[in-house]
């Protein structure tokens, strides 16, 4: 059996207010050609399909048009997608009855039946080979919010609730599968040891449980298809537990590592091979600086000019070190960019002597500061000391409740 593992499409994302629909359209057209070329039996999309719980209509059209086209080209293809922390689970599941007619399964959230038993039937999706026989079972684990896993046996212990879900689902899958059928888990989570990119992923778990252990996926699981971290990587050095990474850089902090999908082969119930499928960039991203203004201007003036039929010009971020504020900074930069083949989307400035910035490699705008970091800064400014662990935990719980309430409104 063969599958393609992808995640973190973030359809509908804008880059500092600039629309990226063209890039997403090109990505999905490329993926469709990969499906035709490599003939996988399944496509797994491990969460963060959309960038927000209320994605624009065009982003939704992109997803469903892709599903239809993929089914037209490969009628036997199984498509399985789960909701990530950016997604609305209800929105992902809403067209489920229609999508099942296209061999597509959308799992947005878990649910329970009486006596604290996980409703595992809807979370176990059969994956078929070309002859129609079940070759594997996909254990779908959408982003698990605290309200979904706490209470009942877990009480208020989020990590205990997470373990309880995994244990029940794996036990149900082992009881269901027949000899030779692989077990493949798909999850949207932050695993322990995972490398987070500069400024894109949210901290999505609560309190001290900053990451989930690889032990949640014991030996019977042949492969774990992960989403959430945008940098492709193995987890805990284990080849079969993988983040494929985002197929597009979602910020300028993500331009210096590869963006890809994974082609995964199985021999019966065992993983046999993993191949990287590098994703071409339809629009390049350029970051100039961090450097003094004179050096930045020199680099900008050295950029190539716009061609006769220039389309889809690169996105540009400029990072400048200053001794003092310059009211005409943008004008100077835009003048240097006159006739250049790029689109300026962000200017980040740093001032000499500003506390902490001299030792930092990252210049952050308000749009790039996580809610947790913003809370910690505000707390320290108000009280003179960093927030303690209890305050951080309380804020994290409040943030999760707000996000979950927002998803309920969107659903």
Protein backbone atom coordinates (compact mmCIF):
# COMPACT_ATOMS: atom_id res chain seq x y z
CA UNK A 1 0.00 0.00 0.00
CA UNK A 2 1.13 3.57 -0.68
CA UNK A 3 0.05 6.91 0.77
CA UNK A 4 0.96 10.58 0.61
CA UNK A 5 1.25 12.39 3.93
CA UNK A 6 0.68 16.16 4.01
CA UNK A 7 -0.48 18.74 6.54
CA UNK A 8 -0.74 22.42 7.41
CA UNK A 9 -2.07 23.78 4.13
CA UNK A 10 -3.50 26.86 5.90
CA UNK A 11 -5.82 27.63 3.00
CA UNK A 12 -7.00 31.23 3.20
CA UNK A 13 -3.84 32.46 4.89
CA UNK A 14 -2.68 35.99 4.15
CA UNK A 15 0.92 37.18 4.44
CA UNK A 16 0.83 40.49 6.32
CA UNK A 17 -2.49 41.22 4.66
CA UNK A 18 -1.52 39.96 1.21
CA UNK A 19 -3.68 37.28 -0.39
CA UNK A 20 -1.98 33.93 -1.12
CA UNK A 21 -4.77 32.24 -3.05
CA UNK A 22 -2.61 31.96 -6.18
CA UNK A 23 0.04 30.03 -4.24
CA UNK A 24 -2.56 27.68 -2.78
CA UNK A 25 -4.08 27.09 -6.21
CA UNK A 26 -0.65 26.20 -7.62
CA UNK A 27 0.07 23.94 -4.66
CA UNK A 28 -3.13 21.94 -5.13
CA UNK A 29 -2.57 21.68 -8.89
CA UNK A 30 0.93 20.31 -8.20
CA UNK A 31 -0.43 17.84 -5.63
CA UNK A 32 -3.02 16.59 -8.09
CA UNK A 33 -0.24 15.81 -10.56
CA UNK A 34 1.72 14.01 -7.84
CA UNK A 35 -1.32 11.85 -7.13
CA UNK A 36 -1.60 10.92 -10.80
CA UNK A 37 2.12 10.24 -11.10
CA UNK A 38 2.67 8.19 -7.93
CA UNK A 39 -0.77 6.51 -7.74
CA UNK A 40 -1.08 6.33 -3.93
CA UNK A 41 -3.92 4.42 -2.33
CA UNK A 42 -4.56 7.17 0.21
CA UNK A 43 -3.95 10.84 0.86
CA UNK A 44 -3.67 11.85 4.53
CA UNK A 45 -4.08 15.54 5.46
CA UNK A 46 -3.00 15.95 9.08
CA UNK A 47 -4.81 19.10 10.12
CA UNK A 48 -4.70 22.88 9.77
CA UNK A 49 -6.39 22.57 6.41
CA UNK A 50 -7.62 26.15 6.81
CA UNK A 51 -5.83 29.06 8.45
CA UNK A 52 -8.79 30.14 10.60
CA UNK A 53 -11.98 28.65 11.98
CA UNK A 54 -13.88 30.99 9.65
CA UNK A 55 -11.98 30.58 6.36
CA UNK A 56 -12.92 32.72 3.36
CA UNK A 57 -15.26 31.20 0.82
CA UNK A 58 -12.49 31.00 -1.77
CA UNK A 59 -10.38 28.83 0.55
CA UNK A 60 -13.27 26.42 1.05
CA UNK A 61 -13.82 26.28 -2.69
CA UNK A 62 -10.15 25.38 -3.17
CA UNK A 63 -10.45 22.40 -0.83
CA UNK A 64 -13.66 20.96 -2.22
CA UNK A 65 -12.68 21.56 -5.83
CA UNK A 66 -9.46 19.65 -5.14
CA UNK A 67 -11.38 16.74 -3.60
CA UNK A 68 -13.66 16.51 -6.64
CA UNK A 69 -10.78 16.69 -9.11
CA UNK A 70 -8.75 14.09 -7.21
CA UNK A 71 -11.72 11.71 -7.22
CA UNK A 72 -12.23 12.26 -10.95
CA UNK A 73 -8.60 11.41 -11.67
CA UNK A 74 -8.25 8.60 -9.10
CA UNK A 75 -11.69 7.17 -8.23
CA UNK A 76 -10.26 4.56 -5.83
CA UNK A 77 -8.21 7.09 -3.82
CA UNK A 78 -9.08 7.33 -0.11
CA UNK A 79 -8.70 10.87 1.24
CA UNK A 80 -8.64 11.31 5.02
CA UNK A 81 -8.40 14.69 6.71
CA UNK A 82 -8.49 15.81 10.33
CA UNK A 83 -9.00 19.18 11.96
CA UNK A 84 -6.04 21.02 13.42
CA UNK A 85 -5.98 23.73 16.06
CA UNK A 86 -6.57 26.39 13.39
CA UNK A 87 -9.63 24.56 12.04
CA UNK A 88 -13.23 24.38 13.15
CA UNK A 89 -13.98 20.71 13.73
CA UNK A 90 -17.65 21.30 12.97
CA UNK A 91 -16.89 23.07 9.71
CA UNK A 92 -14.53 20.29 8.60
CA UNK A 93 -17.21 17.65 9.25
CA UNK A 94 -20.19 19.59 7.89
CA UNK A 95 -20.00 18.30 4.27
CA UNK A 96 -19.03 14.81 5.46
CA UNK A 97 -21.99 12.88 3.97
CA UNK A 98 -21.32 14.39 0.55
CA UNK A 99 -17.57 13.86 0.74
CA UNK A 100 -17.95 10.18 1.61
CA UNK A 101 -19.40 9.72 -1.88
CA UNK A 102 -15.97 10.87 -3.09
CA UNK A 103 -14.09 8.42 -0.80
CA UNK A 104 -13.20 11.34 1.45
CA UNK A 105 -13.41 11.23 5.24
CA UNK A 106 -13.33 14.42 7.33
CA UNK A 107 -12.83 13.99 11.10
CA UNK A 108 -13.12 17.22 13.06
CA UNK A 109 -13.51 16.08 16.66
CA UNK A 110 -13.86 13.08 18.90
CA UNK A 111 -17.01 12.07 20.76
CA UNK A 112 -17.98 9.75 23.58
CA UNK A 113 -20.71 7.21 24.15
CA UNK A 114 -22.09 6.08 27.49
CA UNK A 115 -19.82 4.98 30.33
CA UNK A 116 -16.87 7.05 29.12
CA UNK A 117 -16.26 4.93 26.05
CA UNK A 118 -14.70 6.60 23.05
CA UNK A 119 -16.85 6.51 19.91
CA UNK A 120 -14.00 4.85 18.02
CA UNK A 121 -16.03 3.68 15.04
CA UNK A 122 -16.03 7.09 13.39
CA UNK A 123 -12.31 7.58 14.15
CA UNK A 124 -11.15 4.37 12.42
CA UNK A 125 -11.08 4.79 8.65
CA UNK A 126 -10.30 1.84 6.32
CA UNK A 127 -7.69 2.42 3.61
CA UNK A 128 -8.09 0.31 0.50
CA UNK A 129 -5.68 -1.05 -2.08
CA UNK A 130 -6.43 -0.87 -5.81
CA UNK A 131 -8.34 -4.16 -5.67
CA UNK A 132 -10.71 -2.74 -3.07
CA UNK A 133 -9.38 -4.82 -0.17
CA UNK A 134 -8.67 -3.10 3.16
CA UNK A 135 -4.90 -2.75 3.44
CA UNK A 136 -4.73 -0.54 6.53
CA UNK A 137 -6.70 1.32 9.17
CA UNK A 138 -6.18 5.03 9.76
CA UNK A 139 -6.56 6.08 13.40
CA UNK A 140 -7.69 9.69 13.14
CA UNK A 141 -6.82 12.01 16.02
CA UNK A 142 -7.88 15.60 15.31
CA UNK A 143 -6.54 18.30 17.59
CA UNK A 144 -7.78 17.35 21.04
CA UNK A 145 -9.16 20.29 22.98
CA UNK A 146 -9.37 20.11 26.79
CA UNK A 147 -13.17 20.12 26.81
CA UNK A 148 -13.13 16.95 24.69
CA UNK A 149 -10.74 14.85 26.80
CA UNK A 150 -11.15 16.03 30.41
CA UNK A 151 -13.90 15.00 32.77
CA UNK A 152 -15.14 11.41 33.15
CA UNK A 153 -12.15 9.19 34.00
CA UNK A 154 -9.51 11.86 33.30
CA UNK A 155 -10.90 14.50 35.65
CA UNK A 156 -9.15 17.80 34.97
CA UNK A 157 -5.88 16.13 33.88
CA UNK A 158 -5.41 17.04 30.22
CA UNK A 159 -2.48 14.67 29.64
CA UNK A 160 -4.33 11.80 31.28
CA UNK A 161 -7.27 12.49 28.98
CA UNK A 162 -4.96 12.45 25.96
CA UNK A 163 -3.53 9.07 26.98
CA UNK A 164 -7.01 7.69 27.58
CA UNK A 165 -8.10 8.61 24.05
CA UNK A 166 -4.99 7.10 22.46
CA UNK A 167 -5.21 3.88 24.45
CA UNK A 168 -8.88 3.31 23.65
CA UNK A 169 -8.47 4.05 19.96
CA UNK A 170 -5.40 1.84 19.54
CA UNK A 171 -7.07 -1.02 21.42
CA UNK A 172 -10.14 -0.75 19.18
CA UNK A 173 -7.97 -0.71 16.05
CA UNK A 174 -6.01 -3.79 17.11
CA UNK A 175 -9.25 -5.64 17.77
CA UNK A 176 -10.64 -4.65 14.37
CA UNK A 177 -7.75 -5.25 11.99
CA UNK A 178 -7.01 -8.52 10.27
CA UNK A 179 -3.54 -10.06 9.76
CA UNK A 180 -1.46 -8.07 7.29
CA UNK A 181 -3.40 -4.83 7.73
CA UNK A 182 -1.29 -1.87 8.85
CA UNK A 183 -2.23 0.56 11.60
CA UNK A 184 -1.52 4.17 10.64
CA UNK A 185 -2.14 6.99 13.12
CA UNK A 186 -2.78 10.57 12.00
CA UNK A 187 -2.60 13.28 14.64
CA UNK A 188 -2.39 17.06 14.92
CA UNK A 189 -0.30 17.76 18.00
CA UNK A 190 2.99 19.09 19.34
CA UNK A 191 5.20 16.10 20.09
CA UNK A 192 8.07 16.24 22.59
CA UNK A 193 11.37 17.14 20.94
CA UNK A 194 9.72 18.73 17.92
CA UNK A 195 11.53 21.77 16.48
CA UNK A 196 9.21 24.78 16.24
CA UNK A 197 9.80 27.28 13.43
CA UNK A 198 10.51 30.89 14.21
CA UNK A 199 7.10 32.50 14.54
CA UNK A 200 4.29 30.43 13.07
CA UNK A 201 3.02 27.61 15.28
CA UNK A 202 0.88 28.19 18.31
CA UNK A 203 1.54 26.55 21.64
CA UNK A 204 -1.48 24.26 21.63
CA UNK A 205 -1.33 22.33 24.88
CA UNK A 206 -1.95 23.37 28.43
CA UNK A 207 0.14 24.03 31.48
CA UNK A 208 3.29 21.99 31.98
CA UNK A 209 2.31 19.51 29.26
CA UNK A 210 4.05 21.51 26.54
CA UNK A 211 4.44 18.49 24.25
CA UNK A 212 3.13 14.95 23.92
CA UNK A 213 5.41 11.91 24.30
CA UNK A 214 6.16 9.54 21.44
CA UNK A 215 5.14 6.69 23.78
CA UNK A 216 1.52 7.51 22.92
CA UNK A 217 2.15 5.53 19.72
CA UNK A 218 3.38 2.02 20.70
CA UNK A 219 4.84 -0.68 18.47
CA UNK A 220 1.65 -1.85 16.69
CA UNK A 221 1.49 1.54 14.92
CA UNK A 222 3.40 1.19 11.65
CA UNK A 223 3.43 4.93 10.85
CA UNK A 224 2.39 8.18 12.52
CA UNK A 225 1.44 11.03 10.16
CA UNK A 226 1.72 14.23 12.15
CA UNK A 227 0.63 17.80 11.57
CA UNK A 228 1.16 21.12 13.37
CA UNK A 229 4.94 21.70 13.27
CA UNK A 230 5.85 23.32 9.97
CA UNK A 231 9.43 22.06 9.82
CA UNK A 232 9.72 18.50 8.46
CA UNK A 233 11.26 16.19 11.06
CA UNK A 234 11.31 12.83 12.80
CA UNK A 235 10.07 12.60 16.37
CA UNK A 236 12.37 11.23 19.06
CA UNK A 237 14.66 9.91 16.33
CA UNK A 238 12.04 7.43 15.19
CA UNK A 239 11.75 7.13 11.44
CA UNK A 240 8.10 6.09 11.48
CA UNK A 241 6.86 9.10 13.51
CA UNK A 242 6.99 12.06 11.13
CA UNK A 243 6.04 15.66 10.64
CA UNK A 244 5.90 16.17 6.90
CA UNK A 245 5.91 19.94 7.49
CA UNK A 246 3.92 22.64 5.77
CA UNK A 247 4.00 22.59 1.95
CA UNK A 248 4.48 26.39 1.81
CA UNK A 249 6.47 28.73 4.07
CA UNK A 250 3.88 30.47 6.20
CA UNK A 251 6.20 33.24 7.33
CA UNK A 252 9.61 34.65 6.46
CA UNK A 253 10.98 32.63 9.36
CA UNK A 254 10.25 29.44 7.40
CA UNK A 255 12.08 30.15 4.14
CA UNK A 256 15.37 28.44 4.97
CA UNK A 257 14.26 24.84 5.29
CA UNK A 258 12.61 22.50 2.77
CA UNK A 259 8.86 22.30 2.26
CA UNK A 260 7.58 18.93 1.20
CA UNK A 261 5.13 16.08 1.36
CA UNK A 262 5.98 12.45 2.08
CA UNK A 263 5.38 9.39 -0.08
CA UNK A 264 5.08 6.40 2.25
CA UNK A 265 5.08 2.72 1.22
CA UNK A 266 4.04 -0.33 3.25
CA UNK A 267 4.70 -4.02 2.85
CA UNK A 268 1.71 -5.61 4.50
CA UNK A 269 1.52 -4.22 8.02
CA UNK A 270 5.10 -2.91 8.01
CA UNK A 271 6.56 0.40 6.89
CA UNK A 272 8.93 -0.21 3.98
CA UNK A 273 9.97 3.17 2.51
CA UNK A 274 9.58 6.93 2.89
CA UNK A 275 10.36 9.30 0.01
CA UNK A 276 10.40 13.09 0.09
CA UNK A 277 8.35 15.03 -2.46
CA UNK A 278 9.77 18.60 -2.52
CA UNK A 279 7.10 21.23 -3.16
CA UNK A 280 8.03 23.93 -5.71
CA UNK A 281 7.41 27.53 -4.68
CA UNK A 282 5.04 29.36 -6.97
CA UNK A 283 6.05 32.66 -5.34
CA UNK A 284 9.46 33.21 -3.76
CA UNK A 285 10.00 34.92 -0.41
CA UNK A 286 12.95 37.26 0.19
CA UNK A 287 14.19 38.53 3.54
CA UNK A 288 16.75 41.38 3.58
CA UNK A 289 18.52 42.39 6.80
CA UNK A 290 18.82 42.48 9.67
CA UNK A 291 21.32 45.26 8.92
CA UNK A 292 21.88 49.03 9.16
CA UNK A 293 19.83 51.15 6.79
CA UNK A 294 22.69 51.95 4.40
CA UNK A 295 23.43 48.25 3.94
CA UNK A 296 19.74 47.43 3.51
CA UNK A 297 19.34 50.16 0.86
CA UNK A 298 22.37 48.80 -1.01
CA UNK A 299 20.89 45.28 -1.02
CA UNK A 300 17.52 46.58 -2.17
CA UNK A 301 19.07 48.51 -5.05
CA UNK A 302 20.86 45.32 -6.13
CA UNK A 303 17.58 43.42 -6.58
CA UNK A 304 16.71 42.55 -10.19
CA UNK A 305 14.34 44.83 -12.12
CA UNK A 306 10.81 43.91 -13.06
CA UNK A 307 10.68 42.00 -16.35
CA UNK A 308 8.42 42.77 -19.28
CA UNK A 309 5.86 40.12 -18.33
CA UNK A 310 6.50 39.94 -14.61
CA UNK A 311 3.84 38.08 -12.63
CA UNK A 312 3.71 36.67 -9.12
CA UNK A 313 6.61 38.76 -7.88
CA UNK A 314 8.42 37.56 -4.71
CA UNK A 315 7.24 38.68 -1.30
CA UNK A 316 9.80 40.87 0.49
CA UNK A 317 10.48 41.51 4.18
CA UNK A 318 13.01 44.20 5.17
CA UNK A 319 14.63 44.25 8.62
CA UNK A 320 16.49 47.44 9.58
CA UNK A 321 18.71 48.38 12.53
CA UNK A 322 18.37 52.05 13.49
CA UNK A 323 19.96 54.39 16.02
CA UNK A 324 16.73 56.38 16.30
CA UNK A 325 13.28 56.39 14.67
CA UNK A 326 13.17 57.63 11.06
CA UNK A 327 9.79 59.08 10.03
CA UNK A 328 10.63 58.61 6.36
CA UNK A 329 11.95 55.05 6.68
CA UNK A 330 9.22 53.53 4.51
CA UNK A 331 9.65 56.20 1.88
CA UNK A 332 13.41 55.54 1.66
CA UNK A 333 12.85 51.82 1.32
CA UNK A 334 10.09 52.20 -1.27
CA UNK A 335 12.27 54.59 -3.28
CA UNK A 336 15.08 52.02 -3.34
CA UNK A 337 12.57 49.43 -4.54
CA UNK A 338 11.26 51.45 -7.47
CA UNK A 339 11.14 49.17 -10.51
CA UNK A 340 12.37 46.13 -8.57
CA UNK A 341 10.95 42.64 -9.00
CA UNK A 342 9.38 42.17 -5.57
CA UNK A 343 6.39 43.06 -3.41
CA UNK A 344 7.18 44.69 -0.07
CA UNK A 345 4.94 43.25 2.67
CA UNK A 346 6.75 44.09 5.90
CA UNK A 347 9.33 46.46 7.38
CA UNK A 348 10.69 45.52 10.81
CA UNK A 349 12.86 48.06 12.61
CA UNK A 350 15.08 47.69 15.65
CA UNK A 351 16.52 50.52 17.74
CA UNK A 352 19.94 50.52 19.40
CA UNK A 353 19.80 50.03 23.13
CA UNK A 354 16.32 48.52 23.20
CA UNK A 355 16.28 45.91 25.94
CA UNK A 356 16.78 42.34 24.78
CA UNK A 357 16.74 43.00 21.05
CA UNK A 358 20.50 43.30 20.64
CA UNK A 359 20.88 39.64 21.50
CA UNK A 360 17.92 38.43 19.47
CA UNK A 361 17.92 37.03 15.95
CA UNK A 362 14.20 37.65 15.55
CA UNK A 363 12.35 40.90 15.00
CA UNK A 364 8.72 40.47 15.94
CA UNK A 365 5.69 42.52 15.06
CA UNK A 366 2.52 42.35 17.13
CA UNK A 367 1.06 39.93 14.57
CA UNK A 368 3.90 37.51 15.30
CA UNK A 369 3.74 37.49 19.12
CA UNK A 370 1.82 34.57 20.58
CA UNK A 371 -1.01 35.30 23.03
CA UNK A 372 1.06 33.65 25.78
CA UNK A 373 4.03 35.91 25.12
CA UNK A 374 1.83 38.99 24.99
CA UNK A 375 0.22 38.01 28.30
CA UNK A 376 3.64 37.46 29.91
CA UNK A 377 4.89 40.86 28.74
CA UNK A 378 1.77 42.65 29.97
CA UNK A 379 1.93 40.88 33.34
CA UNK A 380 5.60 41.82 33.86
CA UNK A 381 4.94 45.44 32.89
CA UNK A 382 2.03 45.62 35.35
CA UNK A 383 3.52 43.76 38.33
CA UNK A 384 7.30 43.97 37.80
CA UNK A 385 7.83 40.21 37.77
CA UNK A 386 7.18 37.43 35.24
CA UNK A 387 3.89 35.54 35.72
CA UNK A 388 4.14 32.43 37.85
CA UNK A 389 3.22 28.95 36.66
CA UNK A 390 -0.33 29.14 38.01
CA UNK A 391 -1.01 32.41 36.17
CA UNK A 392 0.31 30.95 32.92
CA UNK A 393 -1.83 27.83 33.36
CA UNK A 394 -4.93 29.92 34.09
CA UNK A 395 -4.32 32.05 31.02
CA UNK A 396 -3.76 28.98 28.84
CA UNK A 397 -7.05 27.48 30.01
CA UNK A 398 -8.85 30.77 29.36
CA UNK A 399 -7.32 30.99 25.87
CA UNK A 400 -8.42 27.45 25.04
CA UNK A 401 -11.97 28.22 26.20
CA UNK A 402 -12.10 31.36 24.03
CA UNK A 403 -10.82 29.48 20.97
CA UNK A 404 -13.22 26.61 21.57
CA UNK A 405 -16.14 29.03 21.99
CA UNK A 406 -15.13 30.71 18.73
CA UNK A 407 -15.20 27.36 16.97
CA UNK A 408 -18.66 26.70 18.34
CA UNK A 409 -19.88 29.96 16.85
CA UNK A 410 -18.28 29.07 13.51
CA UNK A 411 -19.84 25.63 13.51
